[in-house]
mmCIF file of all heavy atoms, coordinates in Angstrom:
data_MODEL
# 
_entry.id   MODEL 
# 
loop_
_atom_site.group_PDB 
_atom_site.id 
_atom_site.type_symbol 
_atom_site.label_atom_id 
_atom_site.label_alt_id 
_atom_site.label_comp_id 
_atom_site.label_asym_id 
_atom_site.label_entity_id 
_atom_site.label_seq_id 
_atom_site.pdbx_PDB_ins_code 
_atom_site.Cartn_x 
_atom_site.Cartn_y 
_atom_site.Cartn_z 
_atom_site.occupancy 
_atom_site.B_iso_or_equiv 
_atom_site.pdbx_formal_charge 
_atom_site.auth_seq_id 
_atom_site.auth_comp_id 
_atom_site.auth_asym_id 
_atom_site.auth_atom_id 
_atom_site.pdbx_PDB_model_num 
ATOM 1   N N   . TYR A 1 1  ? 1.247   -12.354 0.083  1.00 0.00 ? 1  TYR A N   1 
ATOM 2   C CA  . TYR A 1 1  ? 1.562   -11.755 -1.219 1.00 0.00 ? 1  TYR A CA  1 
ATOM 3   C C   . TYR A 1 1  ? 0.821   -10.425 -1.398 1.00 0.00 ? 1  TYR A C   1 
ATOM 4   O O   . TYR A 1 1  ? 1.365   -9.476  -1.973 1.00 0.00 ? 1  TYR A O   1 
ATOM 5   C CB  . TYR A 1 1  ? 1.235   -12.706 -2.369 1.00 0.00 ? 1  TYR A CB  1 
ATOM 6   C CG  . TYR A 1 1  ? 2.191   -13.862 -2.485 1.00 0.00 ? 1  TYR A CG  1 
ATOM 7   C CD1 . TYR A 1 1  ? 1.741   -15.167 -2.400 1.00 0.00 ? 1  TYR A CD1 1 
ATOM 8   C CD2 . TYR A 1 1  ? 3.558   -13.656 -2.675 1.00 0.00 ? 1  TYR A CD2 1 
ATOM 9   C CE1 . TYR A 1 1  ? 2.627   -16.242 -2.505 1.00 0.00 ? 1  TYR A CE1 1 
ATOM 10  C CE2 . TYR A 1 1  ? 4.445   -14.711 -2.772 1.00 0.00 ? 1  TYR A CE2 1 
ATOM 11  C CZ  . TYR A 1 1  ? 3.972   -16.004 -2.685 1.00 0.00 ? 1  TYR A CZ  1 
ATOM 12  O OH  . TYR A 1 1  ? 4.846   -17.055 -2.788 1.00 0.00 ? 1  TYR A OH  1 
ATOM 13  N N   . LEU A 1 2  ? -0.410  -10.363 -0.911 1.00 0.00 ? 2  LEU A N   1 
ATOM 14  C CA  . LEU A 1 2  ? -1.164  -9.114  -0.986 1.00 0.00 ? 2  LEU A CA  1 
ATOM 15  C C   . LEU A 1 2  ? -0.498  -8.035  -0.132 1.00 0.00 ? 2  LEU A C   1 
ATOM 16  O O   . LEU A 1 2  ? -0.428  -6.874  -0.531 1.00 0.00 ? 2  LEU A O   1 
ATOM 17  C CB  . LEU A 1 2  ? -2.610  -9.333  -0.538 1.00 0.00 ? 2  LEU A CB  1 
ATOM 18  C CG  . LEU A 1 2  ? -3.525  -8.121  -0.650 1.00 0.00 ? 2  LEU A CG  1 
ATOM 19  C CD1 . LEU A 1 2  ? -3.725  -7.731  -2.121 1.00 0.00 ? 2  LEU A CD1 1 
ATOM 20  C CD2 . LEU A 1 2  ? -4.873  -8.409  0.008  1.00 0.00 ? 2  LEU A CD2 1 
ATOM 21  N N   . CYS A 1 3  ? 0.025   -8.425  1.021  1.00 0.00 ? 3  CYS A N   1 
ATOM 22  C CA  . CYS A 1 3  ? 0.759   -7.472  1.870  1.00 0.00 ? 3  CYS A CA  1 
ATOM 23  C C   . CYS A 1 3  ? 1.976   -6.932  1.130  1.00 0.00 ? 3  CYS A C   1 
ATOM 24  O O   . CYS A 1 3  ? 2.257   -5.725  1.174  1.00 0.00 ? 3  CYS A O   1 
ATOM 25  C CB  . CYS A 1 3  ? 1.176   -8.132  3.179  1.00 0.00 ? 3  CYS A CB  1 
ATOM 26  S SG  . CYS A 1 3  ? -0.192  -8.472  4.298  1.00 0.00 ? 3  CYS A SG  1 
ATOM 27  N N   . LYS A 1 4  ? 2.693   -7.799  0.443  1.00 0.00 ? 4  LYS A N   1 
ATOM 28  C CA  . LYS A 1 4  ? 3.864   -7.360  -0.330 1.00 0.00 ? 4  LYS A CA  1 
ATOM 29  C C   . LYS A 1 4  ? 3.427   -6.434  -1.458 1.00 0.00 ? 4  LYS A C   1 
ATOM 30  O O   . LYS A 1 4  ? 4.057   -5.404  -1.707 1.00 0.00 ? 4  LYS A O   1 
ATOM 31  C CB  . LYS A 1 4  ? 4.615   -8.582  -0.876 1.00 0.00 ? 4  LYS A CB  1 
ATOM 32  C CG  . LYS A 1 4  ? 5.795   -8.238  -1.758 1.00 0.00 ? 4  LYS A CG  1 
ATOM 33  C CD  . LYS A 1 4  ? 6.836   -7.408  -1.044 1.00 0.00 ? 4  LYS A CD  1 
ATOM 34  C CE  . LYS A 1 4  ? 8.028   -7.142  -1.951 1.00 0.00 ? 4  LYS A CE  1 
ATOM 35  N NZ  . LYS A 1 4  ? 8.618   -5.837  -1.707 1.00 0.00 ? 4  LYS A NZ  1 
ATOM 36  N N   . GLU A 1 5  ? 2.347   -6.799  -2.120 1.00 0.00 ? 5  GLU A N   1 
ATOM 37  C CA  . GLU A 1 5  ? 1.821   -5.957  -3.188 1.00 0.00 ? 5  GLU A CA  1 
ATOM 38  C C   . GLU A 1 5  ? 1.433   -4.579  -2.644 1.00 0.00 ? 5  GLU A C   1 
ATOM 39  O O   . GLU A 1 5  ? 1.675   -3.550  -3.289 1.00 0.00 ? 5  GLU A O   1 
ATOM 40  C CB  . GLU A 1 5  ? 0.603   -6.651  -3.809 1.00 0.00 ? 5  GLU A CB  1 
ATOM 41  C CG  . GLU A 1 5  ? 0.099   -6.033  -5.069 1.00 0.00 ? 5  GLU A CG  1 
ATOM 42  C CD  . GLU A 1 5  ? -1.064  -6.812  -5.675 1.00 0.00 ? 5  GLU A CD  1 
ATOM 43  O OE1 . GLU A 1 5  ? -1.376  -7.947  -5.237 1.00 0.00 ? 5  GLU A OE1 1 
ATOM 44  O OE2 . GLU A 1 5  ? -1.668  -6.251  -6.607 1.00 0.00 ? 5  GLU A OE2 1 
ATOM 45  N N   . ALA A 1 6  ? 0.867   -4.544  -1.448 1.00 0.00 ? 6  ALA A N   1 
ATOM 46  C CA  . ALA A 1 6  ? 0.481   -3.280  -0.824 1.00 0.00 ? 6  ALA A CA  1 
ATOM 47  C C   . ALA A 1 6  ? 1.709   -2.407  -0.550 1.00 0.00 ? 6  ALA A C   1 
ATOM 48  O O   . ALA A 1 6  ? 1.704   -1.207  -0.843 1.00 0.00 ? 6  ALA A O   1 
ATOM 49  C CB  . ALA A 1 6  ? -0.280  -3.538  0.470  1.00 0.00 ? 6  ALA A CB  1 
ATOM 50  N N   . VAL A 1 7  ? 2.752   -3.004  -0.002 1.00 0.00 ? 7  VAL A N   1 
ATOM 51  C CA  . VAL A 1 7  ? 3.974   -2.245  0.286  1.00 0.00 ? 7  VAL A CA  1 
ATOM 52  C C   . VAL A 1 7  ? 4.571   -1.705  -1.016 1.00 0.00 ? 7  VAL A C   1 
ATOM 53  O O   . VAL A 1 7  ? 4.982   -0.539  -1.091 1.00 0.00 ? 7  VAL A O   1 
ATOM 54  C CB  . VAL A 1 7  ? 5.002   -3.102  1.050  1.00 0.00 ? 7  VAL A CB  1 
ATOM 55  C CG1 . VAL A 1 7  ? 6.327   -2.366  1.177  1.00 0.00 ? 7  VAL A CG1 1 
ATOM 56  C CG2 . VAL A 1 7  ? 4.468   -3.478  2.425  1.00 0.00 ? 7  VAL A CG2 1 
ATOM 57  N N   . ASP A 1 8  ? 4.604   -2.532  -2.042 1.00 0.00 ? 8  ASP A N   1 
ATOM 58  C CA  . ASP A 1 8  ? 5.131   -2.081  -3.337 1.00 0.00 ? 8  ASP A CA  1 
ATOM 59  C C   . ASP A 1 8  ? 4.292   -0.944  -3.911 1.00 0.00 ? 8  ASP A C   1 
ATOM 60  O O   . ASP A 1 8  ? 4.835   0.007   -4.489 1.00 0.00 ? 8  ASP A O   1 
ATOM 61  C CB  . ASP A 1 8  ? 5.187   -3.248  -4.329 1.00 0.00 ? 8  ASP A CB  1 
ATOM 62  C CG  . ASP A 1 8  ? 6.227   -4.294  -3.954 1.00 0.00 ? 8  ASP A CG  1 
ATOM 63  O OD1 . ASP A 1 8  ? 7.104   -4.013  -3.104 1.00 0.00 ? 8  ASP A OD1 1 
ATOM 64  O OD2 . ASP A 1 8  ? 6.158   -5.409  -4.511 1.00 0.00 ? 8  ASP A OD2 1 
ATOM 65  N N   . LEU A 1 9  ? 2.983   -1.033  -3.741 1.00 0.00 ? 9  LEU A N   1 
ATOM 66  C CA  . LEU A 1 9  ? 2.100   0.015   -4.245 1.00 0.00 ? 9  LEU A CA  1 
ATOM 67  C C   . LEU A 1 9  ? 2.315   1.328   -3.484 1.00 0.00 ? 9  LEU A C   1 
ATOM 68  O O   . LEU A 1 9  ? 2.297   2.407   -4.082 1.00 0.00 ? 9  LEU A O   1 
ATOM 69  C CB  . LEU A 1 9  ? 0.640   -0.435  -4.144 1.00 0.00 ? 9  LEU A CB  1 
ATOM 70  C CG  . LEU A 1 9  ? -0.402  0.488   -4.750 1.00 0.00 ? 9  LEU A CG  1 
ATOM 71  C CD1 . LEU A 1 9  ? -0.135  0.720   -6.241 1.00 0.00 ? 9  LEU A CD1 1 
ATOM 72  C CD2 . LEU A 1 9  ? -1.796  -0.095  -4.544 1.00 0.00 ? 9  LEU A CD2 1 
ATOM 73  N N   . VAL A 1 10 ? 2.556   1.225   -2.194 1.00 0.00 ? 10 VAL A N   1 
ATOM 74  C CA  . VAL A 1 10 ? 2.813   2.434   -1.395 1.00 0.00 ? 10 VAL A CA  1 
ATOM 75  C C   . VAL A 1 10 ? 4.036   3.179   -1.934 1.00 0.00 ? 10 VAL A C   1 
ATOM 76  O O   . VAL A 1 10 ? 4.075   4.407   -1.935 1.00 0.00 ? 10 VAL A O   1 
ATOM 77  C CB  . VAL A 1 10 ? 2.984   2.079   0.096  1.00 0.00 ? 10 VAL A CB  1 
ATOM 78  C CG1 . VAL A 1 10 ? 3.635   3.215   0.881  1.00 0.00 ? 10 VAL A CG1 1 
ATOM 79  C CG2 . VAL A 1 10 ? 1.639   1.715   0.704  1.00 0.00 ? 10 VAL A CG2 1 
ATOM 80  N N   . ARG A 1 11 ? 5.011   2.449   -2.420 1.00 0.00 ? 11 ARG A N   1 
ATOM 81  C CA  . ARG A 1 11 ? 6.225   3.093   -2.948 1.00 0.00 ? 11 ARG A CA  1 
ATOM 82  C C   . ARG A 1 11 ? 5.926   3.998   -4.142 1.00 0.00 ? 11 ARG A C   1 
ATOM 83  O O   . ARG A 1 11 ? 6.621   4.981   -4.350 1.00 0.00 ? 11 ARG A O   1 
ATOM 84  C CB  . ARG A 1 11 ? 7.253   2.041   -3.326 1.00 0.00 ? 11 ARG A CB  1 
ATOM 85  C CG  . ARG A 1 11 ? 7.763   1.275   -2.123 1.00 0.00 ? 11 ARG A CG  1 
ATOM 86  C CD  . ARG A 1 11 ? 9.001   0.470   -2.465 1.00 0.00 ? 11 ARG A CD  1 
ATOM 87  N NE  . ARG A 1 11 ? 9.384   -0.435  -1.417 1.00 0.00 ? 11 ARG A NE  1 
ATOM 88  C CZ  . ARG A 1 11 ? 9.868   -0.089  -0.228 1.00 0.00 ? 11 ARG A CZ  1 
ATOM 89  N NH1 . ARG A 1 11 ? 9.997   1.173   0.080  1.00 0.00 ? 11 ARG A NH1 1 
ATOM 90  N NH2 . ARG A 1 11 ? 10.215  -1.006  0.650  1.00 0.00 ? 11 ARG A NH2 1 
ATOM 91  N N   . ILE A 1 12 ? 4.892   3.675   -4.917 1.00 0.00 ? 12 ILE A N   1 
ATOM 92  C CA  . ILE A 1 12 ? 4.560   4.515   -6.078 1.00 0.00 ? 12 ILE A CA  1 
ATOM 93  C C   . ILE A 1 12 ? 3.340   5.399   -5.834 1.00 0.00 ? 12 ILE A C   1 
ATOM 94  O O   . ILE A 1 12 ? 3.101   6.336   -6.574 1.00 0.00 ? 12 ILE A O   1 
ATOM 95  C CB  . ILE A 1 12 ? 4.372   3.678   -7.359 1.00 0.00 ? 12 ILE A CB  1 
ATOM 96  C CG1 . ILE A 1 12 ? 3.270   2.648   -7.186 1.00 0.00 ? 12 ILE A CG1 1 
ATOM 97  C CG2 . ILE A 1 12 ? 5.666   3.027   -7.776 1.00 0.00 ? 12 ILE A CG2 1 
ATOM 98  C CD1 . ILE A 1 12 ? 2.890   1.938   -8.471 1.00 0.00 ? 12 ILE A CD1 1 
ATOM 99  N N   . GLU A 1 13 ? 2.570   5.084   -4.798 1.00 0.00 ? 13 GLU A N   1 
ATOM 100 C CA  . GLU A 1 13 ? 1.380   5.866   -4.442 1.00 0.00 ? 13 GLU A CA  1 
ATOM 101 C C   . GLU A 1 13 ? 1.503   6.330   -2.990 1.00 0.00 ? 13 GLU A C   1 
ATOM 102 O O   . GLU A 1 13 ? 0.639   6.071   -2.156 1.00 0.00 ? 13 GLU A O   1 
ATOM 103 C CB  . GLU A 1 13 ? 0.114   5.008   -4.620 1.00 0.00 ? 13 GLU A CB  1 
ATOM 104 C CG  . GLU A 1 13 ? -0.179  4.603   -6.052 1.00 0.00 ? 13 GLU A CG  1 
ATOM 105 C CD  . GLU A 1 13 ? -0.610  5.777   -6.926 1.00 0.00 ? 13 GLU A CD  1 
ATOM 106 O OE1 . GLU A 1 13 ? -1.098  6.802   -6.386 1.00 0.00 ? 13 GLU A OE1 1 
ATOM 107 O OE2 . GLU A 1 13 ? -0.440  5.667   -8.150 1.00 0.00 ? 13 GLU A OE2 1 
ATOM 108 N N   . TRP A 1 14 ? 2.612   7.000   -2.689 1.00 0.00 ? 14 TRP A N   1 
ATOM 109 C CA  . TRP A 1 14 ? 2.939   7.380   -1.311 1.00 0.00 ? 14 TRP A CA  1 
ATOM 110 C C   . TRP A 1 14 ? 1.805   8.130   -0.624 1.00 0.00 ? 14 TRP A C   1 
ATOM 111 O O   . TRP A 1 14 ? 1.514   7.912   0.549  1.00 0.00 ? 14 TRP A O   1 
ATOM 112 C CB  . TRP A 1 14 ? 4.234   8.192   -1.298 1.00 0.00 ? 14 TRP A CB  1 
ATOM 113 C CG  . TRP A 1 14 ? 4.669   8.576   0.082  1.00 0.00 ? 14 TRP A CG  1 
ATOM 114 C CD1 . TRP A 1 14 ? 4.666   9.824   0.617  1.00 0.00 ? 14 TRP A CD1 1 
ATOM 115 C CD2 . TRP A 1 14 ? 5.168   7.707   1.102  1.00 0.00 ? 14 TRP A CD2 1 
ATOM 116 N NE1 . TRP A 1 14 ? 5.134   9.794   1.918  1.00 0.00 ? 14 TRP A NE1 1 
ATOM 117 C CE2 . TRP A 1 14 ? 5.452   8.498   2.233  1.00 0.00 ? 14 TRP A CE2 1 
ATOM 118 C CE3 . TRP A 1 14 ? 5.394   6.337   1.179  1.00 0.00 ? 14 TRP A CE3 1 
ATOM 119 C CZ2 . TRP A 1 14 ? 5.952   7.978   3.419  1.00 0.00 ? 14 TRP A CZ2 1 
ATOM 120 C CZ3 . TRP A 1 14 ? 5.896   5.805   2.363  1.00 0.00 ? 14 TRP A CZ3 1 
ATOM 121 C CH2 . TRP A 1 14 ? 6.168   6.617   3.463  1.00 0.00 ? 14 TRP A CH2 1 
ATOM 122 N N   . ASP A 1 15 ? 1.131   9.017   -1.333 1.00 0.00 ? 15 ASP A N   1 
ATOM 123 C CA  . ASP A 1 15 ? 0.068   9.812   -0.718 1.00 0.00 ? 15 ASP A CA  1 
ATOM 124 C C   . ASP A 1 15 ? -1.146  8.970   -0.318 1.00 0.00 ? 15 ASP A C   1 
ATOM 125 O O   . ASP A 1 15 ? -1.977  9.420   0.465  1.00 0.00 ? 15 ASP A O   1 
ATOM 126 C CB  . ASP A 1 15 ? -0.372  10.937  -1.648 1.00 0.00 ? 15 ASP A CB  1 
ATOM 127 C CG  . ASP A 1 15 ? 0.709   12.000  -1.803 1.00 0.00 ? 15 ASP A CG  1 
ATOM 128 O OD1 . ASP A 1 15 ? 1.614   12.078  -0.932 1.00 0.00 ? 15 ASP A OD1 1 
ATOM 129 O OD2 . ASP A 1 15 ? 0.661   12.755  -2.792 1.00 0.00 ? 15 ASP A OD2 1 
ATOM 130 N N   . ASP A 1 16 ? -1.241  7.757   -0.845 1.00 0.00 ? 16 ASP A N   1 
ATOM 131 C CA  . ASP A 1 16 ? -2.359  6.866   -0.527 1.00 0.00 ? 16 ASP A CA  1 
ATOM 132 C C   . ASP A 1 16 ? -1.982  5.776   0.469  1.00 0.00 ? 16 ASP A C   1 
ATOM 133 O O   . ASP A 1 16 ? -2.736  4.830   0.677  1.00 0.00 ? 16 ASP A O   1 
ATOM 134 C CB  . ASP A 1 16 ? -2.892  6.211   -1.812 1.00 0.00 ? 16 ASP A CB  1 
ATOM 135 C CG  . ASP A 1 16 ? -3.557  7.218   -2.732 1.00 0.00 ? 16 ASP A CG  1 
ATOM 136 O OD1 . ASP A 1 16 ? -4.090  8.232   -2.235 1.00 0.00 ? 16 ASP A OD1 1 
ATOM 137 O OD2 . ASP A 1 16 ? -3.536  6.985   -3.956 1.00 0.00 ? 16 ASP A OD2 1 
ATOM 138 N N   . ARG A 1 17 ? -0.841  5.915   1.140  1.00 0.00 ? 17 ARG A N   1 
ATOM 139 C CA  . ARG A 1 17 ? -0.341  4.856   2.022  1.00 0.00 ? 17 ARG A CA  1 
ATOM 140 C C   . ARG A 1 17 ? -1.295  4.514   3.156  1.00 0.00 ? 17 ARG A C   1 
ATOM 141 O O   . ARG A 1 17 ? -1.439  3.354   3.521  1.00 0.00 ? 17 ARG A O   1 
ATOM 142 C CB  . ARG A 1 17 ? 1.044   5.189   2.551  1.00 0.00 ? 17 ARG A CB  1 
ATOM 143 C CG  . ARG A 1 17 ? 1.113   6.412   3.434  1.00 0.00 ? 17 ARG A CG  1 
ATOM 144 C CD  . ARG A 1 17 ? 2.557   6.848   3.675  1.00 0.00 ? 17 ARG A CD  1 
ATOM 145 N NE  . ARG A 1 17 ? 2.612   8.133   4.351  1.00 0.00 ? 17 ARG A NE  1 
ATOM 146 C CZ  . ARG A 1 17 ? 2.448   9.306   3.764  1.00 0.00 ? 17 ARG A CZ  1 
ATOM 147 N NH1 . ARG A 1 17 ? 2.204   9.366   2.469  1.00 0.00 ? 17 ARG A NH1 1 
ATOM 148 N NH2 . ARG A 1 17 ? 2.534   10.423  4.460  1.00 0.00 ? 17 ARG A NH2 1 
ATOM 149 N N   . GLU A 1 18 ? -1.952  5.515   3.711  1.00 0.00 ? 18 GLU A N   1 
ATOM 150 C CA  . GLU A 1 18 ? -2.864  5.244   4.822  1.00 0.00 ? 18 GLU A CA  1 
ATOM 151 C C   . GLU A 1 18 ? -4.093  4.475   4.345  1.00 0.00 ? 18 GLU A C   1 
ATOM 152 O O   . GLU A 1 18 ? -4.583  3.576   5.039  1.00 0.00 ? 18 GLU A O   1 
ATOM 153 C CB  . GLU A 1 18 ? -3.249  6.552   5.504  1.00 0.00 ? 18 GLU A CB  1 
ATOM 154 C CG  . GLU A 1 18 ? -2.060  7.204   6.202  1.00 0.00 ? 18 GLU A CG  1 
ATOM 155 C CD  . GLU A 1 18 ? -2.145  8.716   6.285  1.00 0.00 ? 18 GLU A CD  1 
ATOM 156 O OE1 . GLU A 1 18 ? -3.165  9.293   5.861  1.00 0.00 ? 18 GLU A OE1 1 
ATOM 157 O OE2 . GLU A 1 18 ? -1.172  9.318   6.762  1.00 0.00 ? 18 GLU A OE2 1 
ATOM 158 N N   . ILE A 1 19 ? -4.579  4.789   3.155  1.00 0.00 ? 19 ILE A N   1 
ATOM 159 C CA  . ILE A 1 19 ? -5.720  4.073   2.581  1.00 0.00 ? 19 ILE A CA  1 
ATOM 160 C C   . ILE A 1 19 ? -5.333  2.631   2.273  1.00 0.00 ? 19 ILE A C   1 
ATOM 161 O O   . ILE A 1 19 ? -6.087  1.698   2.577  1.00 0.00 ? 19 ILE A O   1 
ATOM 162 C CB  . ILE A 1 19 ? -6.214  4.794   1.300  1.00 0.00 ? 19 ILE A CB  1 
ATOM 163 C CG1 . ILE A 1 19 ? -6.768  6.168   1.653  1.00 0.00 ? 19 ILE A CG1 1 
ATOM 164 C CG2 . ILE A 1 19 ? -7.248  3.950   0.567  1.00 0.00 ? 19 ILE A CG2 1 
ATOM 165 C CD1 . ILE A 1 19 ? -7.001  7.067   0.453  1.00 0.00 ? 19 ILE A CD1 1 
ATOM 166 N N   . ILE A 1 20 ? -4.162  2.438   1.694  1.00 0.00 ? 20 ILE A N   1 
ATOM 167 C CA  . ILE A 1 20 ? -3.692  1.088   1.368  1.00 0.00 ? 20 ILE A CA  1 
ATOM 168 C C   . ILE A 1 20 ? -3.523  0.279   2.650  1.00 0.00 ? 20 ILE A C   1 
ATOM 169 O O   . ILE A 1 20 ? -3.947  -0.885  2.724  1.00 0.00 ? 20 ILE A O   1 
ATOM 170 C CB  . ILE A 1 20 ? -2.385  1.159   0.545  1.00 0.00 ? 20 ILE A CB  1 
ATOM 171 C CG1 . ILE A 1 20 ? -2.669  1.799   -0.823 1.00 0.00 ? 20 ILE A CG1 1 
ATOM 172 C CG2 . ILE A 1 20 ? -1.755  -0.224  0.401  1.00 0.00 ? 20 ILE A CG2 1 
ATOM 173 C CD1 . ILE A 1 20 ? -1.434  2.217   -1.597 1.00 0.00 ? 20 ILE A CD1 1 
ATOM 174 N N   . ALA A 1 21 ? -2.926  0.875   3.658  1.00 0.00 ? 21 ALA A N   1 
ATOM 175 C CA  . ALA A 1 21 ? -2.757  0.183   4.942  1.00 0.00 ? 21 ALA A CA  1 
ATOM 176 C C   . ALA A 1 21 ? -4.115  -0.167  5.542  1.00 0.00 ? 21 ALA A C   1 
ATOM 177 O O   . ALA A 1 21 ? -4.298  -1.252  6.106  1.00 0.00 ? 21 ALA A O   1 
ATOM 178 C CB  . ALA A 1 21 ? -1.950  1.037   5.907  1.00 0.00 ? 21 ALA A CB  1 
ATOM 179 N N   . ASN A 1 22 ? -5.074  0.727   5.402  1.00 0.00 ? 22 ASN A N   1 
ATOM 180 C CA  . ASN A 1 22 ? -6.416  0.476   5.918  1.00 0.00 ? 22 ASN A CA  1 
ATOM 181 C C   . ASN A 1 22 ? -7.051  -0.726  5.239  1.00 0.00 ? 22 ASN A C   1 
ATOM 182 O O   . ASN A 1 22 ? -7.741  -1.523  5.890  1.00 0.00 ? 22 ASN A O   1 
ATOM 183 C CB  . ASN A 1 22 ? -7.285  1.721   5.737  1.00 0.00 ? 22 ASN A CB  1 
ATOM 184 C CG  . ASN A 1 22 ? -8.710  1.487   6.162  1.00 0.00 ? 22 ASN A CG  1 
ATOM 185 O OD1 . ASN A 1 22 ? -9.538  1.095   5.342  1.00 0.00 ? 22 ASN A OD1 1 
ATOM 186 N ND2 . ASN A 1 22 ? -8.990  1.722   7.429  1.00 0.00 ? 22 ASN A ND2 1 
ATOM 187 N N   . ARG A 1 23 ? -6.827  -0.885  3.951  1.00 0.00 ? 23 ARG A N   1 
ATOM 188 C CA  . ARG A 1 23 ? -7.411  -2.021  3.214  1.00 0.00 ? 23 ARG A CA  1 
ATOM 189 C C   . ARG A 1 23 ? -6.857  -3.354  3.737  1.00 0.00 ? 23 ARG A C   1 
ATOM 190 O O   . ARG A 1 23 ? -7.606  -4.305  3.948  1.00 0.00 ? 23 ARG A O   1 
ATOM 191 C CB  . ARG A 1 23 ? -7.141  -1.903  1.713  1.00 0.00 ? 23 ARG A CB  1 
ATOM 192 C CG  . ARG A 1 23 ? -7.693  -0.669  1.056  1.00 0.00 ? 23 ARG A CG  1 
ATOM 193 C CD  . ARG A 1 23 ? -9.219  -0.598  1.145  1.00 0.00 ? 23 ARG A CD  1 
ATOM 194 N NE  . ARG A 1 23 ? -9.740  0.495   0.360  1.00 0.00 ? 23 ARG A NE  1 
ATOM 195 C CZ  . ARG A 1 23 ? -10.084 1.673   0.845  1.00 0.00 ? 23 ARG A CZ  1 
ATOM 196 N NH1 . ARG A 1 23 ? -9.946  1.926   2.121  1.00 0.00 ? 23 ARG A NH1 1 
ATOM 197 N NH2 . ARG A 1 23 ? -10.578 2.611   0.067  1.00 0.00 ? 23 ARG A NH2 1 
ATOM 198 N N   . ILE A 1 24 ? -5.559  -3.395  3.984  1.00 0.00 ? 24 ILE A N   1 
ATOM 199 C CA  . ILE A 1 24 ? -4.955  -4.618  4.527  1.00 0.00 ? 24 ILE A CA  1 
ATOM 200 C C   . ILE A 1 24 ? -5.439  -4.842  5.957  1.00 0.00 ? 24 ILE A C   1 
ATOM 201 O O   . ILE A 1 24 ? -5.751  -5.977  6.351  1.00 0.00 ? 24 ILE A O   1 
ATOM 202 C CB  . ILE A 1 24 ? -3.418  -4.548  4.474  1.00 0.00 ? 24 ILE A CB  1 
ATOM 203 C CG1 . ILE A 1 24 ? -2.927  -4.465  3.020  1.00 0.00 ? 24 ILE A CG1 1 
ATOM 204 C CG2 . ILE A 1 24 ? -2.800  -5.753  5.197  1.00 0.00 ? 24 ILE A CG2 1 
ATOM 205 C CD1 . ILE A 1 24 ? -3.223  -5.681  2.166  1.00 0.00 ? 24 ILE A CD1 1 
# 
């Protein structure tokens, strides 16, 4: 579920995608 939440967040915070991916 956290992975899904991360993907959804990337859609609205595209510039932070690498940071979000790093957290997962």
